[in-house]
PDB file of all heavy atoms in Angstrom:
ATOM      1  N   VAL A   1     -77.723  -8.503  -3.964  1.00  0.00           N
ATOM      2  CA  VAL A   1     -77.045  -7.507  -4.799  1.00  0.00           C
ATOM      3  C   VAL A   1     -75.711  -7.182  -4.123  1.00  0.00           C
ATOM      4  O   VAL A   1     -75.684  -6.664  -3.013  1.00  0.00           O
ATOM      5  CB  VAL A   1     -77.879  -6.224  -4.965  1.00  0.00           C
ATOM      6  CG1 VAL A   1     -77.094  -5.187  -5.762  1.00  0.00           C
ATOM      7  CG2 VAL A   1     -79.205  -6.524  -5.645  1.00  0.00           C
ATOM      8  N   MET A   2     -74.602  -7.493  -4.803  1.00  0.00           N
ATOM      9  CA  MET A   2     -73.280  -7.263  -4.225  1.00  0.00           C
ATOM     10  C   MET A   2     -72.432  -6.439  -5.193  1.00  0.00           C
ATOM     11  O   MET A   2     -72.176  -6.873  -6.317  1.00  0.00           O
ATOM     12  CB  MET A   2     -72.586  -8.602  -3.940  1.00  0.00           C
ATOM     13  CG  MET A   2     -73.288  -9.462  -2.906  1.00  0.00           C
ATOM     14  SD  MET A   2     -72.442 -11.067  -2.679  1.00  0.00           S
ATOM     15  CE  MET A   2     -70.863 -10.494  -2.064  1.00  0.00           C
ATOM     16  N   PRO A   3     -71.993  -5.260  -4.765  1.00  0.00           N
ATOM     17  CA  PRO A   3     -71.148  -4.435  -5.633  1.00  0.00           C
ATOM     18  C   PRO A   3     -69.683  -4.836  -5.547  1.00  0.00           C
ATOM     19  O   PRO A   3     -69.226  -5.360  -4.528  1.00  0.00           O
ATOM     20  CB  PRO A   3     -71.359  -3.026  -5.072  1.00  0.00           C
ATOM     21  CG  PRO A   3     -71.632  -3.253  -3.614  1.00  0.00           C
ATOM     22  CD  PRO A   3     -72.367  -4.564  -3.520  1.00  0.00           C
ATOM     23  N   ALA A   4     -68.971  -4.587  -6.619  1.00  0.00           N
ATOM     24  CA  ALA A   4     -67.515  -4.754  -6.621  1.00  0.00           C
ATOM     25  C   ALA A   4     -66.889  -3.387  -6.367  1.00  0.00           C
ATOM     26  O   ALA A   4     -67.463  -2.358  -6.744  1.00  0.00           O
ATOM     27  CB  ALA A   4     -67.039  -5.310  -7.954  1.00  0.00           C
ATOM     28  N   PRO A   5     -65.741  -3.325  -5.709  1.00  0.00           N
ATOM     29  CA  PRO A   5     -65.118  -2.020  -5.452  1.00  0.00           C
ATOM     30  C   PRO A   5     -64.685  -1.355  -6.752  1.00  0.00           C
ATOM     31  O   PRO A   5     -64.201  -2.009  -7.675  1.00  0.00           O
ATOM     32  CB  PRO A   5     -63.909  -2.378  -4.579  1.00  0.00           C
ATOM     33  CG  PRO A   5     -63.624  -3.817  -4.869  1.00  0.00           C
ATOM     34  CD  PRO A   5     -64.946  -4.449  -5.162  1.00  0.00           C
ATOM     35  N   VAL A   6     -64.884  -0.041  -6.822  1.00  0.00           N
ATOM     36  CA  VAL A   6     -64.474   0.759  -7.975  1.00  0.00           C
ATOM     37  C   VAL A   6     -63.581   1.880  -7.458  1.00  0.00           C
ATOM     38  O   VAL A   6     -64.001   2.663  -6.599  1.00  0.00           O
ATOM     39  CB  VAL A   6     -65.696   1.346  -8.716  1.00  0.00           C
ATOM     40  CG1 VAL A   6     -65.236   2.190  -9.911  1.00  0.00           C
ATOM     41  CG2 VAL A   6     -66.628   0.236  -9.184  1.00  0.00           C
ATOM     42  N   ASP A   7     -62.374   1.948  -7.962  1.00  0.00           N
ATOM     43  CA  ASP A   7     -61.423   2.964  -7.505  1.00  0.00           C
ATOM     44  C   ASP A   7     -61.993   4.373  -7.717  1.00  0.00           C
ATOM     45  O   ASP A   7     -62.508   4.694  -8.782  1.00  0.00           O
ATOM     46  CB  ASP A   7     -60.093   2.843  -8.263  1.00  0.00           C
ATOM     47  CG  ASP A   7     -59.323   1.591  -7.872  1.00  0.00           C
ATOM     48  OD1 ASP A   7     -59.627   1.033  -6.799  1.00  0.00           O
ATOM     49  OD2 ASP A   7     -58.440   1.176  -8.643  1.00  0.00           O
ATOM     50  N   GLY A   8     -61.898   5.191  -6.667  1.00  0.00           N
ATOM     51  CA  GLY A   8     -62.353   6.564  -6.759  1.00  0.00           C
ATOM     52  C   GLY A   8     -63.835   6.756  -6.504  1.00  0.00           C
ATOM     53  O   GLY A   8     -64.348   7.878  -6.638  1.00  0.00           O
ATOM     54  N   TRP A   9     -64.518   5.667  -6.087  1.00  0.00           N
ATOM     55  CA  TRP A   9     -65.964   5.750  -5.845  1.00  0.00           C
ATOM     56  C   TRP A   9     -66.316   4.995  -4.565  1.00  0.00           C
ATOM     57  O   TRP A   9     -65.725   3.966  -4.251  1.00  0.00           O
ATOM     58  CB  TRP A   9     -66.741   5.141  -7.012  1.00  0.00           C
ATOM     59  CG  TRP A   9     -66.573   5.885  -8.304  1.00  0.00           C
ATOM     60  CD1 TRP A   9     -65.508   5.801  -9.159  1.00  0.00           C
ATOM     61  CD2 TRP A   9     -67.469   6.838  -8.860  1.00  0.00           C
ATOM     62  NE1 TRP A   9     -65.695   6.640 -10.222  1.00  0.00           N
ATOM     63  CE2 TRP A   9     -66.887   7.289 -10.068  1.00  0.00           C
ATOM     64  CE3 TRP A   9     -68.703   7.355  -8.469  1.00  0.00           C
ATOM     65  CZ2 TRP A   9     -67.502   8.234 -10.883  1.00  0.00           C
ATOM     66  CZ3 TRP A   9     -69.326   8.290  -9.280  1.00  0.00           C
ATOM     67  CH2 TRP A   9     -68.731   8.723 -10.465  1.00  0.00           C
ATOM     68  N   LYS A  10     -67.298   5.537  -3.843  1.00  0.00           N
ATOM     69  CA  LYS A  10     -67.865   4.815  -2.708  1.00  0.00           C
ATOM     70  C   LYS A  10     -69.284   4.400  -3.089  1.00  0.00           C
ATOM     71  O   LYS A  10     -69.974   5.106  -3.832  1.00  0.00           O
ATOM     72  CB  LYS A  10     -67.862   5.671  -1.440  1.00  0.00           C
ATOM     73  CG  LYS A  10     -68.605   6.985  -1.535  1.00  0.00           C
ATOM     74  CD  LYS A  10     -68.473   7.755  -0.225  1.00  0.00           C
ATOM     75  CE  LYS A  10     -69.203   9.095  -0.294  1.00  0.00           C
ATOM     76  NZ  LYS A  10     -69.091   9.854   0.983  1.00  0.00           N
ATOM     77  N   VAL A  11     -69.703   3.239  -2.600  1.00  0.00           N
ATOM     78  CA  VAL A  11     -70.984   2.689  -3.012  1.00  0.00           C
ATOM     79  C   VAL A  11     -71.874   2.454  -1.798  1.00  0.00           C
ATOM     80  O   VAL A  11     -71.397   2.115  -0.713  1.00  0.00           O
ATOM     81  CB  VAL A  11     -70.784   1.379  -3.802  1.00  0.00           C
ATOM     82  CG1 VAL A  11     -70.084   0.332  -2.943  1.00  0.00           C
ATOM     83  CG2 VAL A  11     -72.102   0.841  -4.319  1.00  0.00           C
ATOM     84  N   GLU A  12     -73.161   2.652  -1.986  1.00  0.00           N
ATOM     85  CA  GLU A  12     -74.150   2.429  -0.928  1.00  0.00           C
ATOM     86  C   GLU A  12     -75.311   1.622  -1.495  1.00  0.00           C
ATOM     87  O   GLU A  12     -75.878   1.971  -2.533  1.00  0.00           O
ATOM     88  CB  GLU A  12     -74.671   3.757  -0.391  1.00  0.00           C
ATOM     89  CG  GLU A  12     -75.717   3.607   0.706  1.00  0.00           C
ATOM     90  CD  GLU A  12     -76.272   4.943   1.185  1.00  0.00           C
ATOM     91  OE1 GLU A  12     -75.853   5.990   0.640  1.00  0.00           O
ATOM     92  OE2 GLU A  12     -77.123   4.944   2.089  1.00  0.00           O
ATOM     93  N   VAL A  13     -75.633   0.520  -0.820  1.00  0.00           N
ATOM     94  CA  VAL A  13     -76.742  -0.341  -1.229  1.00  0.00           C
ATOM     95  C   VAL A  13     -77.914  -0.096  -0.285  1.00  0.00           C
ATOM     96  O   VAL A  13     -77.782  -0.243   0.931  1.00  0.00           O
ATOM     97  CB  VAL A  13     -76.335  -1.826  -1.200  1.00  0.00           C
ATOM     98  CG1 VAL A  13     -77.510  -2.713  -1.594  1.00  0.00           C
ATOM     99  CG2 VAL A  13     -75.147  -2.070  -2.136  1.00  0.00           C
ATOM    100  N   THR A  14     -79.047   0.291  -0.847  1.00  0.00           N
ATOM    101  CA  THR A  14     -80.233   0.614  -0.047  1.00  0.00           C
ATOM    102  C   THR A  14     -81.284  -0.474  -0.184  1.00  0.00           C
ATOM    103  O   THR A  14     -81.641  -0.866  -1.296  1.00  0.00           O
ATOM    104  CB  THR A  14     -80.848   1.959  -0.501  1.00  0.00           C
ATOM    105  OG1 THR A  14     -79.856   2.983  -0.405  1.00  0.00           O
ATOM    106  CG2 THR A  14     -82.049   2.327   0.352  1.00  0.00           C
ATOM    107  N   GLU A  15     -81.754  -0.985   0.944  1.00  0.00           N
ATOM    108  CA  GLU A  15     -82.825  -1.982   0.956  1.00  0.00           C
ATOM    109  C   GLU A  15     -84.109  -1.330   1.472  1.00  0.00           C
ATOM    110  O   GLU A  15     -84.072  -0.452   2.335  1.00  0.00           O
ATOM    111  CB  GLU A  15     -82.467  -3.176   1.827  1.00  0.00           C
ATOM    112  CG  GLU A  15     -81.319  -4.008   1.286  1.00  0.00           C
ATOM    113  CD  GLU A  15     -81.116  -5.287   2.072  1.00  0.00           C
ATOM    114  OE1 GLU A  15     -81.810  -5.454   3.106  1.00  0.00           O
ATOM    115  OE2 GLU A  15     -80.286  -6.105   1.672  1.00  0.00           O
ATOM    116  N   SER A  16     -85.229  -1.773   0.943  1.00  0.00           N
ATOM    117  CA  SER A  16     -86.525  -1.220   1.341  1.00  0.00           C
ATOM    118  C   SER A  16     -87.528  -2.349   1.554  1.00  0.00           C
ATOM    119  O   SER A  16     -87.395  -3.435   0.974  1.00  0.00           O
ATOM    120  CB  SER A  16     -87.052  -0.262   0.270  1.00  0.00           C
ATOM    121  OG  SER A  16     -86.156   0.811   0.073  1.00  0.00           O
ATOM    122  N   LYS A  17     -88.526  -2.063   2.404  1.00  0.00           N
ATOM    123  CA  LYS A  17     -89.602  -3.023   2.636  1.00  0.00           C
ATOM    124  C   LYS A  17     -90.478  -3.111   1.393  1.00  0.00           C
ATOM    125  O   LYS A  17     -90.771  -2.114   0.746  1.00  0.00           O
ATOM    126  CB  LYS A  17     -90.461  -2.576   3.823  1.00  0.00           C
ATOM    127  CG  LYS A  17     -89.795  -2.751   5.177  1.00  0.00           C
ATOM    128  CD  LYS A  17     -89.804  -4.210   5.616  1.00  0.00           C
ATOM    129  CE  LYS A  17     -89.271  -4.360   7.040  1.00  0.00           C
ATOM    130  NZ  LYS A  17     -89.283  -5.769   7.487  1.00  0.00           N
ATOM    131  N   LEU A  18     -90.867  -4.326   1.059  1.00  0.00           N
ATOM    132  CA  LEU A  18     -91.751  -4.523  -0.082  1.00  0.00           C
ATOM    133  C   LEU A  18     -93.190  -4.277   0.337  1.00  0.00           C
ATOM    134  O   LEU A  18     -93.583  -4.593   1.469  1.00  0.00           O
ATOM    135  CB  LEU A  18     -91.605  -5.951  -0.627  1.00  0.00           C
ATOM    136  CG  LEU A  18     -90.214  -6.329  -1.159  1.00  0.00           C
ATOM    137  CD1 LEU A  18     -90.192  -7.807  -1.541  1.00  0.00           C
ATOM    138  CD2 LEU A  18     -89.836  -5.470  -2.344  1.00  0.00           C
ATOM    139  N   ALA A  19     -93.956  -3.701  -0.553  1.00  0.00           N
ATOM    140  CA  ALA A  19     -95.366  -3.456  -0.251  1.00  0.00           C
ATOM    141  C   ALA A  19     -96.099  -4.766   0.017  1.00  0.00           C
ATOM    142  O   ALA A  19     -97.009  -4.837   0.846  1.00  0.00           O
ATOM    143  CB  ALA A  19     -96.021  -2.713  -1.416  1.00  0.00           C
ATOM    144  N   LYS A  20     -95.653  -5.818  -0.670  1.00  0.00           N
ATOM    145  CA  LYS A  20     -96.246  -7.135  -0.484  1.00  0.00           C
ATOM    146  C   LYS A  20     -95.132  -8.168  -0.543  1.00  0.00           C
ATOM    147  O   LYS A  20     -94.382  -8.215  -1.512  1.00  0.00           O
ATOM    148  CB  LYS A  20     -97.292  -7.404  -1.574  1.00  0.00           C
ATOM    149  CG  LYS A  20     -97.992  -8.743  -1.435  1.00  0.00           C
ATOM    150  CD  LYS A  20     -99.001  -8.931  -2.556  1.00  0.00           C
ATOM    151  CE  LYS A  20     -99.701 -10.279  -2.440  1.00  0.00           C
ATOM    152  NZ  LYS A  20    -100.671 -10.492  -3.560  1.00  0.00           N
ATOM    153  N   PRO A  21     -94.991  -8.990   0.497  1.00  0.00           N
ATOM    154  CA  PRO A  21     -93.943 -10.024   0.476  1.00  0.00           C
ATOM    155  C   PRO A  21     -94.091 -10.929  -0.746  1.00  0.00           C
ATOM    156  O   PRO A  21     -95.202 -11.213  -1.200  1.00  0.00           O
ATOM    157  CB  PRO A  21     -94.184 -10.795   1.780  1.00  0.00           C
ATOM    158  CG  PRO A  21     -94.892  -9.819   2.668  1.00  0.00           C
ATOM    159  CD  PRO A  21     -95.774  -9.014   1.750  1.00  0.00           C
ATOM    160  N   VAL A  22     -92.966 -11.370  -1.255  1.00  0.00           N
ATOM    161  CA  VAL A  22     -92.988 -12.255  -2.416  1.00  0.00           C
ATOM    162  C   VAL A  22     -92.208 -13.520  -2.094  1.00  0.00           C
ATOM    163  O   VAL A  22     -91.390 -13.559  -1.173  1.00  0.00           O
ATOM    164  CB  VAL A  22     -92.377 -11.567  -3.661  1.00  0.00           C
ATOM    165  CG1 VAL A  22     -93.200 -10.366  -4.064  1.00  0.00           C
ATOM    166  CG2 VAL A  22     -90.935 -11.172  -3.402  1.00  0.00           C
ATOM    167  N   GLU A  23     -92.494 -14.563  -2.855  1.00  0.00           N
ATOM    168  CA  GLU A  23     -91.799 -15.832  -2.666  1.00  0.00           C
ATOM    169  C   GLU A  23     -90.769 -15.995  -3.772  1.00  0.00           C
ATOM    170  O   GLU A  23     -91.104 -15.953  -4.961  1.00  0.00           O
ATOM    171  CB  GLU A  23     -92.790 -16.995  -2.688  1.00  0.00           C
ATOM    172  CG  GLU A  23     -92.137 -18.346  -2.401  1.00  0.00           C
ATOM    173  CD  GLU A  23     -93.158 -19.467  -2.260  1.00  0.00           C
ATOM    174  OE1 GLU A  23     -94.298 -19.175  -1.837  1.00  0.00           O
ATOM    175  OE2 GLU A  23     -92.800 -20.608  -2.574  1.00  0.00           O
ATOM    176  N   LEU A  24     -89.524 -16.172  -3.372  1.00  0.00           N
ATOM    177  CA  LEU A  24     -88.435 -16.364  -4.325  1.00  0.00           C
ATOM    178  C   LEU A  24     -87.762 -17.692  -4.054  1.00  0.00           C
ATOM    179  O   LEU A  24     -87.168 -17.891  -2.994  1.00  0.00           O
ATOM    180  CB  LEU A  24     -87.412 -15.226  -4.229  1.00  0.00           C
ATOM    181  CG  LEU A  24     -87.867 -13.836  -4.674  1.00  0.00           C
ATOM    182  CD1 LEU A  24     -86.759 -12.821  -4.449  1.00  0.00           C
ATOM    183  CD2 LEU A  24     -88.275 -13.840  -6.144  1.00  0.00           C
ATOM    184  N   HIS A  25     -87.918 -18.620  -5.000  1.00  0.00           N
ATOM    185  CA  HIS A  25     -87.285 -19.930  -4.896  1.00  0.00           C
ATOM    186  C   HIS A  25     -87.579 -20.613  -3.553  1.00  0.00           C
ATOM    187  O   HIS A  25     -86.685 -21.100  -2.868  1.00  0.00           O
ATOM    188  CB  HIS A  25     -85.779 -19.800  -5.101  1.00  0.00           C
ATOM    189  CG  HIS A  25     -85.417 -19.199  -6.425  1.00  0.00           C
ATOM    190  ND1 HIS A  25     -85.429 -19.907  -7.597  1.00  0.00           N
ATOM    191  CD2 HIS A  25     -85.059 -17.934  -6.760  1.00  0.00           C
ATOM    192  CE1 HIS A  25     -85.087 -19.118  -8.597  1.00  0.00           C
ATOM    193  NE2 HIS A  25     -84.871 -17.917  -8.122  1.00  0.00           N
ATOM    194  N   GLY A  26     -88.855 -20.573  -3.197  1.00  0.00           N
ATOM    195  CA  GLY A  26     -89.292 -21.276  -2.001  1.00  0.00           C
ATOM    196  C   GLY A  26     -89.169 -20.499  -0.711  1.00  0.00           C
ATOM    197  O   GLY A  26     -89.555 -20.990   0.338  1.00  0.00           O
ATOM    198  N   GLU A  27     -88.650 -19.277  -0.771  1.00  0.00           N
ATOM    199  CA  GLU A  27     -88.503 -18.466   0.436  1.00  0.00           C
ATOM    200  C   GLU A  27     -89.274 -17.153   0.285  1.00  0.00           C
ATOM    201  O   GLU A  27     -89.238 -16.526  -0.772  1.00  0.00           O
ATOM    202  CB  GLU A  27     -87.031 -18.163   0.708  1.00  0.00           C
ATOM    203  CG  GLU A  27     -86.206 -19.387   1.043  1.00  0.00           C
ATOM    204  CD  GLU A  27     -84.776 -19.021   1.409  1.00  0.00           C
ATOM    205  OE1 GLU A  27     -84.493 -17.810   1.521  1.00  0.00           O
ATOM    206  OE2 GLU A  27     -83.960 -19.935   1.587  1.00  0.00           O
ATOM    207  N   LYS A  28     -89.956 -16.767   1.363  1.00  0.00           N
ATOM    208  CA  LYS A  28     -90.689 -15.500   1.346  1.00  0.00           C
ATOM    209  C   LYS A  28     -89.778 -14.383   1.852  1.00  0.00           C
ATOM    210  O   LYS A  28     -89.125 -14.520   2.874  1.00  0.00           O
ATOM    211  CB  LYS A  28     -91.941 -15.593   2.216  1.00  0.00           C
ATOM    212  CG  LYS A  28     -93.052 -16.425   1.594  1.00  0.00           C
ATOM    213  CD  LYS A  28     -94.335 -16.333   2.417  1.00  0.00           C
ATOM    214  CE  LYS A  28     -95.461 -17.097   1.734  1.00  0.00           C
ATOM    215  NZ  LYS A  28     -96.748 -17.002   2.496  1.00  0.00           N
ATOM    216  N   ILE A  29     -89.730 -13.287   1.112  1.00  0.00           N
ATOM    217  CA  ILE A  29     -88.937 -12.131   1.524  1.00  0.00           C
ATOM    218  C   ILE A  29     -89.845 -10.907   1.576  1.00  0.00           C
ATOM    219  O   ILE A  29     -90.778 -10.771   0.786  1.00  0.00           O
ATOM    220  CB  ILE A  29     -87.751 -11.874   0.575  1.00  0.00           C
ATOM    221  CG1 ILE A  29     -88.255 -11.542  -0.836  1.00  0.00           C
ATOM    222  CG2 ILE A  29     -86.826 -13.077   0.521  1.00  0.00           C
ATOM    223  CD1 ILE A  29     -87.146 -11.090  -1.771  1.00  0.00           C
ATOM    224  N   ASP A  30     -89.567 -10.036   2.545  1.00  0.00           N
ATOM    225  CA  ASP A  30     -90.382  -8.836   2.681  1.00  0.00           C
ATOM    226  C   ASP A  30     -89.574  -7.555   2.449  1.00  0.00           C
ATOM    227  O   ASP A  30     -90.087  -6.447   2.614  1.00  0.00           O
ATOM    228  CB  ASP A  30     -91.057  -8.778   4.052  1.00  0.00           C
ATOM    229  CG  ASP A  30     -90.044  -8.821   5.187  1.00  0.00           C
ATOM    230  OD1 ASP A  30     -88.824  -8.868   4.896  1.00  0.00           O
ATOM    231  OD2 ASP A  30     -90.467  -8.816   6.358  1.00  0.00           O
ATOM    232  N   GLU A  31     -88.292  -7.708   2.096  1.00  0.00           N
ATOM    233  CA  GLU A  31     -87.492  -6.561   1.729  1.00  0.00           C
ATOM    234  C   GLU A  31     -86.456  -6.960   0.684  1.00  0.00           C
ATOM    235  O   GLU A  31     -86.068  -8.126   0.595  1.00  0.00           O
ATOM    236  CB  GLU A  31     -86.809  -5.931   2.940  1.00  0.00           C
ATOM    237  CG  GLU A  31     -85.756  -6.793   3.600  1.00  0.00           C
ATOM    238  CD  GLU A  31     -85.074  -6.058   4.752  1.00  0.00           C
ATOM    239  OE1 GLU A  31     -85.634  -5.054   5.240  1.00  0.00           O
ATOM    240  OE2 GLU A  31     -83.975  -6.476   5.145  1.00  0.00           O
ATOM    241  N   ALA A  32     -86.049  -5.990  -0.105  1.00  0.00           N
ATOM    242  CA  ALA A  32     -85.096  -6.258  -1.179  1.00  0.00           C
ATOM    243  C   ALA A  32     -84.362  -4.964  -1.497  1.00  0.00           C
ATOM    244  O   ALA A  32     -84.732  -3.872  -1.042  1.00  0.00           O
ATOM    245  CB  ALA A  32     -85.816  -6.786  -2.417  1.00  0.00           C
ATOM    246  N   VAL A  33     -83.293  -5.081  -2.279  1.00  0.00           N
ATOM    247  CA  VAL A  33     -82.518  -3.904  -2.672  1.00  0.00           C
ATOM    248  C   VAL A  33     -83.366  -3.034  -3.591  1.00  0.00           C
ATOM    249  O   VAL A  33     -83.928  -3.511  -4.579  1.00  0.00           O
ATOM    250  CB  VAL A  33     -81.221  -4.320  -3.393  1.00  0.00           C
ATOM    251  CG1 VAL A  33     -80.512  -3.099  -3.960  1.00  0.00           C
ATOM    252  CG2 VAL A  33     -80.315  -5.059  -2.424  1.00  0.00           C
ATOM    253  N   SER A  34     -83.469  -1.768  -3.237  1.00  0.00           N
ATOM    254  CA  SER A  34     -84.264  -0.823  -4.032  1.00  0.00           C
ATOM    255  C   SER A  34     -83.404   0.170  -4.801  1.00  0.00           C
ATOM    256  O   SER A  34     -83.857   0.746  -5.789  1.00  0.00           O
ATOM    257  CB  SER A  34     -85.230  -0.051  -3.129  1.00  0.00           C
ATOM    258  OG  SER A  34     -84.513   0.641  -2.101  1.00  0.00           O
ATOM    259  N   LYS A  35     -82.139   0.348  -4.344  1.00  0.00           N
ATOM    260  CA  LYS A  35     -81.293   1.336  -5.028  1.00  0.00           C
ATOM    261  C   LYS A  35     -79.828   1.101  -4.681  1.00  0.00           C
ATOM    262  O   LYS A  35     -79.496   0.680  -3.576  1.00  0.00           O
ATOM    263  CB  LYS A  35     -81.691   2.759  -4.617  1.00  0.00           C
ATOM    264  CG  LYS A  35     -80.918   3.848  -5.336  1.00  0.00           C
ATOM    265  CD  LYS A  35     -81.507   5.230  -5.053  1.00  0.00           C
ATOM    266  CE  LYS A  35     -81.398   5.636  -3.625  1.00  0.00           C
ATOM    267  NZ  LYS A  35     -81.845   7.041  -3.403  1.00  0.00           N
ATOM    268  N   VAL A  36     -78.970   1.363  -5.667  1.00  0.00           N
ATOM    269  CA  VAL A  36     -77.528   1.354  -5.449  1.00  0.00           C
ATOM    270  C   VAL A  36     -76.990   2.708  -5.913  1.00  0.00           C
ATOM    271  O   VAL A  36     -77.302   3.163  -7.019  1.00  0.00           O
ATOM    272  CB  VAL A  36     -76.828   0.218  -6.220  1.00  0.00           C
ATOM    273  CG1 VAL A  36     -75.323   0.293  -6.023  1.00  0.00           C
ATOM    274  CG2 VAL A  36     -77.352  -1.137  -5.759  1.00  0.00           C
ATOM    275  N   THR A  37     -76.193   3.354  -5.054  1.00  0.00           N
ATOM    276  CA  THR A  37     -75.688   4.695  -5.349  1.00  0.00           C
ATOM    277  C   THR A  37     -74.166   4.701  -5.306  1.00  0.00           C
ATOM    278  O   THR A  37     -73.559   4.248  -4.332  1.00  0.00           O
ATOM    279  CB  THR A  37     -76.222   5.714  -4.325  1.00  0.00           C
ATOM    280  OG1 THR A  37     -77.655   5.665  -4.311  1.00  0.00           O
ATOM    281  CG2 THR A  37     -75.763   7.130  -4.678  1.00  0.00           C
ATOM    282  N   TRP A  38     -73.568   5.198  -6.380  1.00  0.00           N
ATOM    283  CA  TRP A  38     -72.115   5.398  -6.421  1.00  0.00           C
ATOM    284  C   TRP A  38     -71.824   6.894  -6.372  1.00  0.00           C
ATOM    285  O   TRP A  38     -72.387   7.670  -7.158  1.00  0.00           O
ATOM    286  CB  TRP A  38     -71.518   4.827  -7.709  1.00  0.00           C
ATOM    287  CG  TRP A  38     -71.517   3.335  -7.791  1.00  0.00           C
ATOM    288  CD1 TRP A  38     -70.541   2.482  -7.354  1.00  0.00           C
ATOM    289  CD2 TRP A  38     -72.524   2.495  -8.374  1.00  0.00           C
ATOM    290  NE1 TRP A  38     -70.879   1.178  -7.617  1.00  0.00           N
ATOM    291  CE2 TRP A  38     -72.092   1.150  -8.246  1.00  0.00           C
ATOM    292  CE3 TRP A  38     -73.760   2.754  -8.985  1.00  0.00           C
ATOM    293  CZ2 TRP A  38     -72.839   0.082  -8.718  1.00  0.00           C
ATOM    294  CZ3 TRP A  38     -74.500   1.694  -9.447  1.00  0.00           C
ATOM    295  CH2 TRP A  38     -74.047   0.368  -9.311  1.00  0.00           C
ATOM    296  N   THR A  39     -70.946   7.307  -5.472  1.00  0.00           N
ATOM    297  CA  THR A  39     -70.582   8.713  -5.324  1.00  0.00           C
ATOM    298  C   THR A  39     -69.068   8.846  -5.447  1.00  0.00           C
ATOM    299  O   THR A  39     -68.323   8.129  -4.768  1.00  0.00           O
ATOM    300  CB  THR A  39     -71.043   9.262  -3.962  1.00  0.00           C
ATOM    301  OG1 THR A  39     -72.454   9.029  -3.807  1.00  0.00           O
ATOM    302  CG2 THR A  39     -70.777  10.758  -3.867  1.00  0.00           C
ATOM    303  N   ALA A  40     -68.627   9.751  -6.287  1.00  0.00           N
ATOM    304  CA  ALA A  40     -67.190   9.931  -6.518  1.00  0.00           C
ATOM    305  C   ALA A  40     -66.546  10.577  -5.305  1.00  0.00           C
ATOM    306  O   ALA A  40     -67.071  11.534  -4.734  1.00  0.00           O
ATOM    307  CB  ALA A  40     -66.962  10.789  -7.761  1.00  0.00           C
ATOM    308  N   ASP A  41     -65.390  10.050  -4.891  1.00  0.00           N
ATOM    309  CA  ASP A  41     -64.614  10.706  -3.845  1.00  0.00           C
ATOM    310  C   ASP A  41     -63.324  11.272  -4.439  1.00  0.00           C
ATOM    311  O   ASP A  41     -62.372  11.569  -3.736  1.00  0.00           O
ATOM    312  CB  ASP A  41     -64.321   9.756  -2.687  1.00  0.00           C
ATOM    313  CG  ASP A  41     -63.652   8.462  -3.146  1.00  0.00           C
ATOM    314  OD1 ASP A  41     -63.184   8.409  -4.312  1.00  0.00           O
ATOM    315  OD2 ASP A  41     -63.581   7.512  -2.360  1.00  0.00           O
ATOM    316  N   GLY A  42     -63.345  11.419  -5.763  1.00  0.00           N
ATOM    317  CA  GLY A  42     -62.221  12.024  -6.478  1.00  0.00           C
ATOM    318  C   GLY A  42     -62.751  12.887  -7.617  1.00  0.00           C
ATOM    319  O   GLY A  42     -63.712  13.627  -7.446  1.00  0.00           O
ATOM    320  N   LYS A  43     -62.158  12.743  -8.791  1.00  0.00           N
ATOM    321  CA  LYS A  43     -62.557  13.564  -9.938  1.00  0.00           C
ATOM    322  C   LYS A  43     -63.832  13.070 -10.610  1.00  0.00           C
ATOM    323  O   LYS A  43     -64.453  13.793 -11.384  1.00  0.00           O
ATOM    324  CB  LYS A  43     -61.419  13.605 -10.964  1.00  0.00           C
ATOM    325  CG  LYS A  43     -60.161  14.304 -10.458  1.00  0.00           C
ATOM    326  CD  LYS A  43     -59.086  14.311 -11.543  1.00  0.00           C
ATOM    327  CE  LYS A  43     -57.830  15.030 -11.059  1.00  0.00           C
ATOM    328  NZ  LYS A  43     -56.763  15.039 -12.109  1.00  0.00           N
ATOM    329  N   GLY A  44     -64.214  11.826 -10.365  1.00  0.00           N
ATOM    330  CA  GLY A  44     -65.391  11.286 -11.027  1.00  0.00           C
ATOM    331  C   GLY A  44     -65.068  10.896 -12.469  1.00  0.00           C
ATOM    332  O   GLY A  44     -63.923  10.646 -12.831  1.00  0.00           O
ATOM    333  N   ILE A  45     -66.104  10.863 -13.301  1.00  0.00           N
ATOM    334  CA  ILE A  45     -65.924  10.535 -14.720  1.00  0.00           C
ATOM    335  C   ILE A  45     -65.724  11.849 -15.475  1.00  0.00           C
ATOM    336  O   ILE A  45     -66.654  12.637 -15.633  1.00  0.00           O
ATOM    337  CB  ILE A  45     -67.147   9.793 -15.287  1.00  0.00           C
ATOM    338  CG1 ILE A  45     -67.511   8.602 -14.400  1.00  0.00           C
ATOM    339  CG2 ILE A  45     -66.861   9.322 -16.713  1.00  0.00           C
ATOM    340  CD1 ILE A  45     -68.800   7.920 -14.790  1.00  0.00           C
TER     341      ILE A  45
END
């Protein structure tokens, strides 16, 4: 998960451990992005 920059906003990508590892395209992963948060550092919307 990759965010693009947005003027007037800062972004934070949060990853969390998975309750059960999963296999994605031949690879096992035990954590993944669980949340993305955008916070205004100006007037916002």
